[in-house]
Amino acid sequence: MRVEFLLASAAEATLLCDNATNMKVAVTLARRQLAPHQLVPLRRRLLAWYRANRRDLPWRRSHDPYRIWLAEIMLQQTRIAAVLPYYERFLARFPSVTDLARAREPEVLKYWAGLGYYSRARNLHRAAKQIVTEHNARFPSKIDTALALPGIGNYTAAAILSIAYDVPLAALDGNVARVLARLFAIRGDLRAPKTWKRLATNAQELLSSKFAGDWNQALMELGEIICTPRSPQCGHCPLAQYCKAHALGIAHKLPAPRRKRATASVRIGAAIFVDARGQTLLTKTCGEHDLAIFSGLWQFPAVALKSTNGSARTEISAYLRDNFNSFIFAPHSLVPLPAASHTVTYRRLALLPFLARVDKLPNLPACRAVPLANLSSLPVSSATQKIARVALAGVSKGPG
């Protein structure tokens, strides 16, 4: 077996060079192959580096597939530093897959609240039920069976099975793809289907099958702390001597930046009704914005404002009249509060809260009354928590 550097030709390599000297280097590298005798020392170097430098993360202290699975789901599109407190708190409440399967979805979402991307929590809960009923409460060790679980894709399955069971499957995520792109000097969009497929093939060929879990984590760790998106630390990289991009002096240029989706600005008007006891009204009434912005969780009555310069109070009043028509209130009682900003994926939100003091909150379908000062009894999104903080400040100032 041999692992080839993925440059289509010497001509393609030449495009990466800045001068004639580099051109000669590029032509030589384009013809090089990573021979079998090089694979063994490459693997040894990376594994030795990882075992000496790996960070002490809670999911690395155990081979319990439940803990590894939970970490992999939480780490999807979320940084490690943000995940850590949620991981510990979630495990304290649901220490086993059986505990998670027995829980009600609202409670699962409450312990996930603030982490975002709530479909992950819903799929985690559904998968837990399936694991308990179909797999004797143990995460399956076969790839096809793992992929049949809700929320489990190729990367997640390979990561869990390799780390928990040392199944020889290469886990290809963004960090690993970046390491391979530099190692083999791959140009273009890494997420292009053909390129991603080639990366997956190379990842599997490079895999240290005897230590699959450590190997996958080593590549991820290398991408996290050494082979970073910007300013890769090639001088500290255990694979520098094998890296084509480093040899060509182009590690900082690879991989090619992905085209980002254009940012969309959205204005959300929200009504915060507060009674004499400090209770407020939350709803599950779904609008077009609810799943994207409030994740389908409990929220204040809110609407995406259509006008960029019209009256937000007029639009929120019309929304309340159409959706809460059994609740009588005077639109002029909606007092504007300071705006808050929030970002959800490509959306930049302006949250425009309005405070309305009422004698009594209505008893309406799909609504709940909870203390404004403590929304933690229900699962709510980060956007709702921001609105609540602004509202609390407004309430503390008193009427007027």
Protein backbone atom coordinates (compact mmCIF):
# COMPACT_ATOMS: atom_id res chain seq x y z
CA MET A 1 0.00 0.00 0.00
CA ARG A 2 1.15 3.51 -0.70
CA VAL A 3 -0.45 6.85 0.10
CA GLU A 4 -0.09 9.34 -2.75
CA PHE A 5 0.20 13.08 -2.36
CA LEU A 6 -2.92 14.43 -4.02
CA LEU A 7 -1.52 16.86 -6.57
CA ALA A 8 -2.95 16.14 -10.02
CA SER A 9 0.31 16.96 -11.79
CA ALA A 10 3.60 18.75 -11.58
CA ALA A 11 1.90 21.61 -13.41
CA GLU A 12 -0.63 21.98 -10.61
CA ALA A 13 2.19 21.99 -8.09
CA THR A 14 3.88 24.76 -10.06
CA LEU A 15 0.82 26.98 -9.58
CA LEU A 16 1.51 26.90 -5.86
CA CYS A 17 5.01 28.28 -6.17
CA ASP A 18 6.25 31.84 -6.04
CA ASN A 19 9.58 31.47 -7.87
CA ALA A 20 11.73 29.18 -9.99
CA THR A 21 13.45 27.58 -7.01
CA ASN A 22 10.15 26.62 -5.44
CA MET A 23 9.04 25.30 -8.82
CA LYS A 24 11.80 22.69 -8.80
CA VAL A 25 10.82 21.67 -5.28
CA ALA A 26 7.18 21.41 -6.31
CA VAL A 27 7.90 19.21 -9.33
CA THR A 28 9.94 16.87 -7.12
CA LEU A 29 7.22 16.72 -4.48
CA ALA A 30 4.49 16.13 -7.04
CA ARG A 31 6.28 12.94 -8.06
CA ARG A 32 6.90 11.79 -4.50
CA GLN A 33 4.86 9.19 -2.75
CA LEU A 34 4.54 8.37 0.90
CA ALA A 35 6.02 4.90 0.84
CA PRO A 36 5.05 2.10 3.24
CA HIS A 37 8.32 2.41 5.14
CA GLN A 38 7.46 6.07 5.87
CA LEU A 39 4.03 5.28 7.29
CA VAL A 40 5.35 3.51 10.36
CA PRO A 41 7.59 6.37 11.61
CA LEU A 42 4.90 8.93 10.69
CA ARG A 43 2.35 7.09 12.81
CA ARG A 44 4.79 6.63 15.68
CA ARG A 45 5.70 10.32 15.68
CA LEU A 46 2.10 11.51 15.74
CA LEU A 47 0.98 9.01 18.39
CA ALA A 48 3.98 9.82 20.60
CA TRP A 49 3.27 13.53 20.24
CA TYR A 50 -0.40 13.03 21.12
CA ARG A 51 0.27 10.90 24.17
CA ALA A 52 2.75 13.46 25.47
CA ASN A 53 0.66 16.55 24.70
CA ARG A 54 -3.02 15.64 24.69
CA ARG A 55 -5.31 17.82 26.71
CA ASP A 56 -7.00 16.38 29.77
CA LEU A 57 -10.63 16.40 28.63
CA PRO A 58 -13.33 14.60 30.64
CA TRP A 59 -14.45 12.33 27.80
CA ARG A 60 -10.87 11.10 27.39
CA ARG A 61 -10.79 9.67 30.90
CA SER A 62 -13.06 6.77 30.01
CA HIS A 63 -13.83 4.36 27.18
CA ASP A 64 -17.52 4.50 28.08
CA PRO A 65 -19.23 4.84 24.67
CA TYR A 66 -22.07 6.88 26.20
CA ARG A 67 -19.68 9.57 27.44
CA ILE A 68 -17.78 9.59 24.15
CA TRP A 69 -21.00 9.75 22.14
CA LEU A 70 -22.33 12.64 24.24
CA ALA A 71 -19.08 14.56 23.78
CA GLU A 72 -19.06 14.04 20.01
CA ILE A 73 -22.63 15.29 19.68
CA MET A 74 -22.00 18.34 21.87
CA LEU A 75 -18.79 19.16 20.00
CA GLN A 76 -20.56 19.38 16.65
CA GLN A 77 -20.24 23.04 15.58
CA THR A 78 -19.34 24.02 19.16
CA ARG A 79 -15.95 24.79 20.67
CA ILE A 80 -14.51 22.65 23.48
CA ALA A 81 -14.42 25.53 25.98
CA ALA A 82 -18.14 26.15 25.48
CA VAL A 83 -19.00 22.45 25.75
CA LEU A 84 -17.19 21.62 29.01
CA PRO A 85 -19.68 23.04 31.56
CA TYR A 86 -22.67 21.67 29.65
CA TYR A 87 -21.06 18.24 29.38
CA GLU A 88 -20.45 18.00 33.12
CA ARG A 89 -23.92 19.26 34.00
CA PHE A 90 -25.66 16.98 31.49
CA LEU A 91 -23.78 13.91 32.75
CA ALA A 92 -24.59 14.76 36.35
CA ARG A 93 -28.29 14.71 35.51
CA PHE A 94 -28.19 11.83 32.97
CA PRO A 95 -25.23 9.65 34.04
CA SER A 96 -26.16 6.76 31.73
CA VAL A 97 -27.93 6.15 28.46
CA THR A 98 -30.75 4.53 30.43
CA ASP A 99 -31.24 7.68 32.50
CA LEU A 100 -31.34 9.73 29.31
CA ALA A 101 -33.83 7.39 27.63
CA ARG A 102 -36.19 7.54 30.62
CA ALA A 103 -36.22 11.35 30.73
CA ARG A 104 -38.88 13.51 29.12
CA GLU A 105 -37.78 15.63 26.18
CA PRO A 106 -38.47 18.99 27.89
CA GLU A 107 -36.07 18.09 30.67
CA VAL A 108 -33.40 16.98 28.19
CA LEU A 109 -33.78 20.29 26.35
CA LYS A 110 -33.58 22.21 29.63
CA TYR A 111 -30.16 20.71 30.36
CA TRP A 112 -29.09 21.45 26.79
CA ALA A 113 -30.44 25.02 26.84
CA GLY A 114 -27.82 27.57 25.83
CA LEU A 115 -25.71 25.12 23.83
CA GLY A 116 -27.67 25.70 20.63
CA TYR A 117 -28.50 23.48 17.66
CA TYR A 118 -31.26 21.78 19.63
CA SER A 119 -31.91 19.12 17.00
CA ARG A 120 -28.75 17.51 18.41
CA ALA A 121 -30.41 17.09 21.81
CA ARG A 122 -33.63 15.78 20.31
CA ASN A 123 -31.75 13.22 18.20
CA LEU A 124 -29.60 12.27 21.20
CA HIS A 125 -32.74 11.58 23.22
CA ARG A 126 -34.36 9.56 20.42
CA ALA A 127 -31.18 7.55 19.90
CA ALA A 128 -30.93 6.82 23.63
CA LYS A 129 -34.40 5.30 23.58
CA GLN A 130 -33.45 3.19 20.57
CA ILE A 131 -30.19 2.03 22.17
CA VAL A 132 -32.01 0.95 25.33
CA THR A 133 -34.81 -0.90 23.54
CA GLU A 134 -32.80 -2.43 20.67
CA HIS A 135 -29.19 -2.69 21.87
CA ASN A 136 -29.36 -3.60 25.55
CA ALA A 137 -28.48 -0.04 26.61
CA ARG A 138 -25.06 -0.10 24.92
CA PHE A 139 -23.97 1.96 21.95
CA PRO A 140 -23.63 -0.49 19.02
CA SER A 141 -20.13 -1.39 17.85
CA LYS A 142 -21.05 -2.11 14.21
CA ILE A 143 -20.88 0.79 11.75
CA ASP A 144 -24.15 0.04 9.94
CA THR A 145 -26.05 -0.27 13.21
CA ALA A 146 -24.54 2.95 14.55
CA LEU A 147 -25.45 4.83 11.38
CA ALA A 148 -29.07 3.74 11.82
CA LEU A 149 -29.33 5.82 15.02
CA PRO A 150 -30.81 9.35 14.88
CA GLY A 151 -28.18 12.07 14.58
CA ILE A 152 -25.30 9.70 13.75
CA GLY A 153 -23.39 10.35 10.51
CA ASN A 154 -20.19 8.93 9.08
CA TYR A 155 -17.82 11.10 11.11
CA THR A 156 -19.66 10.67 14.41
CA ALA A 157 -19.96 6.90 13.98
CA ALA A 158 -16.27 6.54 13.11
CA ALA A 159 -15.18 8.73 16.03
CA ILE A 160 -17.30 6.89 18.61
CA LEU A 161 -16.51 3.38 17.39
CA SER A 162 -12.78 4.02 17.08
CA ILE A 163 -12.40 5.77 20.44
CA ALA A 164 -14.71 3.49 22.42
CA TYR A 165 -14.00 0.16 20.71
CA ASP A 166 -10.83 0.77 18.61
CA VAL A 167 -12.74 -0.15 15.45
CA PRO A 168 -10.35 0.76 12.59
CA LEU A 169 -12.38 3.58 11.06
CA ALA A 170 -10.88 6.95 10.14
CA ALA A 171 -12.86 9.95 11.43
CA LEU A 172 -12.79 12.83 8.96
CA ASP A 173 -13.90 16.21 10.31
CA GLY A 174 -12.85 19.78 9.55
CA ASN A 175 -9.71 19.64 11.70
CA VAL A 176 -8.54 16.37 10.19
CA ALA A 177 -9.34 17.55 6.66
CA ARG A 178 -7.20 20.66 7.22
CA VAL A 179 -4.25 18.55 8.43
CA LEU A 180 -4.53 16.28 5.39
CA ALA A 181 -4.93 19.23 3.01
CA ARG A 182 -1.61 20.60 4.20
CA LEU A 183 0.09 17.24 4.47
CA PHE A 184 -0.74 16.50 0.82
CA ALA A 185 -0.93 20.13 -0.44
CA ILE A 186 -4.53 19.82 -1.62
CA ARG A 187 -6.02 22.90 -3.25
CA GLY A 188 -9.61 23.96 -3.76
CA ASP A 189 -12.74 23.50 -1.69
CA LEU A 190 -12.21 20.56 0.64
CA ARG A 191 -15.96 20.05 0.95
CA ALA A 192 -16.38 19.45 -2.76
CA PRO A 193 -17.70 15.85 -2.98
CA LYS A 194 -14.79 14.44 -5.02
CA THR A 195 -12.18 16.13 -2.83
CA TRP A 196 -13.86 15.02 0.40
CA LYS A 197 -14.02 11.46 -0.92
CA ARG A 198 -10.27 11.55 -1.69
CA LEU A 199 -9.58 12.92 1.77
CA ALA A 200 -11.64 10.13 3.32
CA THR A 201 -9.65 7.56 1.36
CA ASN A 202 -6.34 9.07 2.45
CA ALA A 203 -7.49 9.28 6.07
CA GLN A 204 -8.36 5.58 6.04
CA GLU A 205 -5.01 4.64 4.44
CA LEU A 206 -3.06 6.67 7.00
CA LEU A 207 -5.01 5.22 9.93
CA SER A 208 -3.06 3.35 12.57
CA SER A 209 -5.48 0.43 12.77
CA LYS A 210 -3.97 -0.96 15.96
CA PHE A 211 -4.56 2.33 17.81
CA ALA A 212 -7.51 3.73 15.86
CA GLY A 213 -8.99 5.76 18.72
CA ASP A 214 -5.74 7.44 19.68
CA TRP A 215 -4.88 8.03 16.02
CA ASN A 216 -8.16 9.80 15.24
CA GLN A 217 -7.88 11.92 18.36
CA ALA A 218 -4.25 12.71 17.55
CA LEU A 219 -5.17 14.12 14.14
CA MET A 220 -8.03 16.11 15.65
CA GLU A 221 -5.75 17.42 18.40
CA LEU A 222 -3.08 18.36 15.86
CA GLY A 223 -5.65 20.37 13.92
CA GLU A 224 -6.95 22.01 17.09
CA ILE A 225 -3.70 23.23 18.62
CA ILE A 226 -0.89 23.06 16.00
CA CYS A 227 -2.23 22.87 12.44
CA THR A 228 -4.73 25.65 13.12
CA PRO A 229 -6.75 27.48 10.44
CA ARG A 230 -4.57 30.57 10.74
CA SER A 231 -0.86 30.73 11.56
CA PRO A 232 -0.10 26.99 11.72
CA GLN A 233 2.80 26.27 14.07
CA CYS A 234 4.85 24.19 11.64
CA GLY A 235 7.95 24.46 13.84
CA HIS A 236 6.19 22.45 16.54
CA CYS A 237 4.43 19.96 14.26
CA PRO A 238 5.47 16.30 14.58
CA LEU A 239 4.57 15.76 10.90
CA ALA A 240 6.43 18.76 9.45
CA GLN A 241 9.06 16.60 7.74
CA TYR A 242 6.31 14.76 5.82
CA CYS A 243 4.20 17.82 4.98
CA LYS A 244 4.15 19.01 1.36
CA ALA A 245 2.59 22.37 2.16
CA HIS A 246 5.33 23.05 4.71
CA ALA A 247 8.03 22.09 2.22
CA LEU A 248 6.49 24.44 -0.36
CA GLY A 249 6.09 27.23 2.16
CA ILE A 250 2.34 27.44 1.58
CA ALA A 251 0.93 25.91 4.78
CA HIS A 252 -0.64 29.27 5.71
CA LYS A 253 -2.43 29.39 2.33
CA LEU A 254 -4.10 26.01 2.62
CA PRO A 255 -6.81 24.97 2.67
CA ALA A 256 -8.56 27.48 0.45
CA PRO A 257 -11.09 29.53 2.44
CA ARG A 258 -14.70 28.45 2.07
CA ARG A 259 -17.22 30.88 0.70
CA LYS A 260 -19.41 31.99 3.57
CA ARG A 261 -23.11 32.49 3.27
CA ALA A 262 -24.07 36.15 3.19
CA THR A 263 -25.12 37.53 6.58
CA ALA A 264 -28.82 38.25 6.92
CA SER A 265 -30.04 40.96 9.29
CA VAL A 266 -33.30 40.12 11.08
CA ARG A 267 -35.34 42.26 13.48
CA ILE A 268 -37.39 40.37 16.08
CA GLY A 269 -40.07 42.10 18.11
CA ALA A 270 -40.85 40.42 21.43
CA ALA A 271 -43.54 41.12 24.03
CA ILE A 272 -42.74 40.58 27.71
CA PHE A 273 -45.89 40.58 29.82
CA VAL A 274 -45.22 40.83 33.56
CA ASP A 275 -47.84 40.59 36.28
CA ALA A 276 -47.75 41.90 39.85
CA ARG A 277 -46.00 38.73 41.08
CA GLY A 278 -43.17 39.04 38.56
CA GLN A 279 -44.52 36.23 36.41
CA THR A 280 -44.15 36.39 32.64
CA LEU A 281 -45.80 34.63 29.71
CA LEU A 282 -43.89 32.14 27.56
CA THR A 283 -45.36 30.39 24.55
CA LYS A 284 -44.81 27.50 22.17
CA THR A 285 -46.84 29.14 19.40
CA CYS A 286 -44.62 28.60 16.38
CA GLY A 287 -43.96 31.21 13.74
CA GLU A 288 -41.63 31.04 10.76
CA HIS A 289 -38.74 32.33 12.88
CA ASP A 290 -39.21 30.09 15.90
CA LEU A 291 -37.23 27.00 14.92
CA ALA A 292 -34.33 28.97 13.46
CA ILE A 293 -34.00 31.56 16.22
CA PHE A 294 -35.69 30.15 19.32
CA SER A 295 -35.11 26.47 18.42
CA GLY A 296 -38.73 25.53 19.00
CA LEU A 297 -38.28 26.03 22.76
CA TRP A 298 -40.31 28.15 25.16
CA GLN A 299 -40.08 31.81 24.19
CA PHE A 300 -41.68 35.21 24.63
CA PRO A 301 -44.41 36.03 22.10
CA ALA A 302 -42.29 37.27 19.20
CA VAL A 303 -42.47 38.00 15.51
CA ALA A 304 -39.97 38.69 12.72
CA LEU A 305 -40.55 42.31 11.75
CA LYS A 306 -41.13 42.87 8.05
CA SER A 307 -40.42 46.57 7.93
CA THR A 308 -36.90 47.87 8.47
CA ASN A 309 -37.98 51.37 9.41
CA GLY A 310 -41.62 51.00 10.41
CA SER A 311 -43.10 50.82 13.88
CA ALA A 312 -42.00 47.67 15.67
CA ARG A 313 -44.72 48.25 18.27
CA THR A 314 -47.38 48.30 15.54
CA GLU A 315 -46.19 44.99 14.10
CA ILE A 316 -45.86 43.23 17.44
CA SER A 317 -49.32 44.50 18.43
CA ALA A 318 -50.82 43.11 15.23
CA TYR A 319 -49.10 39.78 15.84
CA LEU A 320 -50.45 39.58 19.39
CA ARG A 321 -53.96 40.51 18.23
CA ASP A 322 -53.94 37.77 15.59
CA ASN A 323 -52.41 35.02 17.75
CA PHE A 324 -53.53 35.85 21.30
CA ASN A 325 -56.90 37.40 20.57
CA SER A 326 -58.46 36.17 23.80
CA PHE A 327 -55.94 38.28 25.73
CA ILE A 328 -57.13 41.89 25.97
CA PHE A 329 -54.44 44.50 26.37
CA ALA A 330 -53.83 48.03 25.16
CA PRO A 331 -51.12 48.27 22.46
CA HIS A 332 -49.88 51.54 23.95
CA SER A 333 -49.01 49.62 27.12
CA LEU A 334 -46.08 48.04 25.26
CA VAL A 335 -43.07 50.02 26.45
CA PRO A 336 -39.93 49.71 24.29
CA LEU A 337 -36.80 48.44 26.05
CA PRO A 338 -33.17 48.62 24.89
CA ALA A 339 -32.42 46.35 21.95
CA ALA A 340 -30.16 43.31 22.28
CA SER A 341 -28.08 41.66 19.59
CA HIS A 342 -27.73 37.95 18.91
CA THR A 343 -26.25 35.78 16.16
CA VAL A 344 -27.59 32.44 14.92
CA THR A 345 -25.51 30.87 12.13
CA TYR A 346 -25.67 33.42 9.30
CA ARG A 347 -28.39 35.56 10.90
CA ARG A 348 -27.53 38.76 12.75
CA LEU A 349 -30.47 39.52 15.00
CA ALA A 350 -31.72 42.73 16.52
CA LEU A 351 -33.94 41.72 19.43
CA LEU A 352 -36.46 44.48 20.16
CA PRO A 353 -38.27 43.77 23.43
CA PHE A 354 -41.43 45.53 24.64
CA LEU A 355 -42.50 45.39 28.27
CA ALA A 356 -46.18 45.35 29.22
CA ARG A 357 -47.31 45.28 32.86
CA VAL A 358 -50.60 43.48 33.37
CA ASP A 359 -52.77 42.68 36.38
CA LYS A 360 -53.11 39.04 35.43
CA LEU A 361 -51.54 36.80 32.83
CA PRO A 362 -53.95 34.93 30.55
CA ASN A 363 -54.47 31.18 30.64
CA LEU A 364 -53.92 30.32 26.99
CA PRO A 365 -53.16 27.10 25.09
CA ALA A 366 -49.45 26.42 24.50
CA CYS A 367 -48.50 29.10 27.06
CA ARG A 368 -46.90 28.99 30.49
CA ALA A 369 -46.50 31.51 33.29
CA VAL A 370 -43.04 31.48 34.89
CA PRO A 371 -41.01 33.90 37.03
CA LEU A 372 -39.23 36.40 34.79
CA ALA A 373 -36.22 36.25 37.11
CA ASN A 374 -35.89 32.50 36.67
CA LEU A 375 -36.72 30.95 33.32
CA SER A 376 -34.61 27.87 34.05
CA SER A 377 -37.67 25.81 34.94
CA LEU A 378 -38.32 25.56 31.21
CA PRO A 379 -35.93 24.99 28.29
CA VAL A 380 -35.26 28.33 26.60
CA SER A 381 -32.76 29.50 24.00
CA SER A 382 -29.91 31.96 24.45
CA ALA A 383 -31.91 34.58 22.52
CA THR A 384 -34.79 34.27 25.01
CA GLN A 385 -32.35 34.55 27.92
CA LYS A 386 -30.96 37.79 26.46
CA ILE A 387 -34.45 39.24 26.10
CA ALA A 388 -35.20 38.25 29.69
CA ARG A 389 -32.11 40.05 31.01
CA VAL A 390 -33.13 43.26 29.23
CA ALA A 391 -36.67 42.89 30.57
CA LEU A 392 -35.47 42.33 34.13
CA ALA A 393 -33.48 45.55 33.95
CA GLY A 394 -36.58 47.34 32.70
CA VAL A 395 -38.78 45.94 35.45
CA SER A 396 -36.26 46.93 38.13
CA LYS A 397 -36.52 50.57 37.03
CA GLY A 398 -40.20 50.58 37.82
CA PRO A 399 -43.10 52.04 35.76
CA GLY A 400 -42.57 55.00 33.52
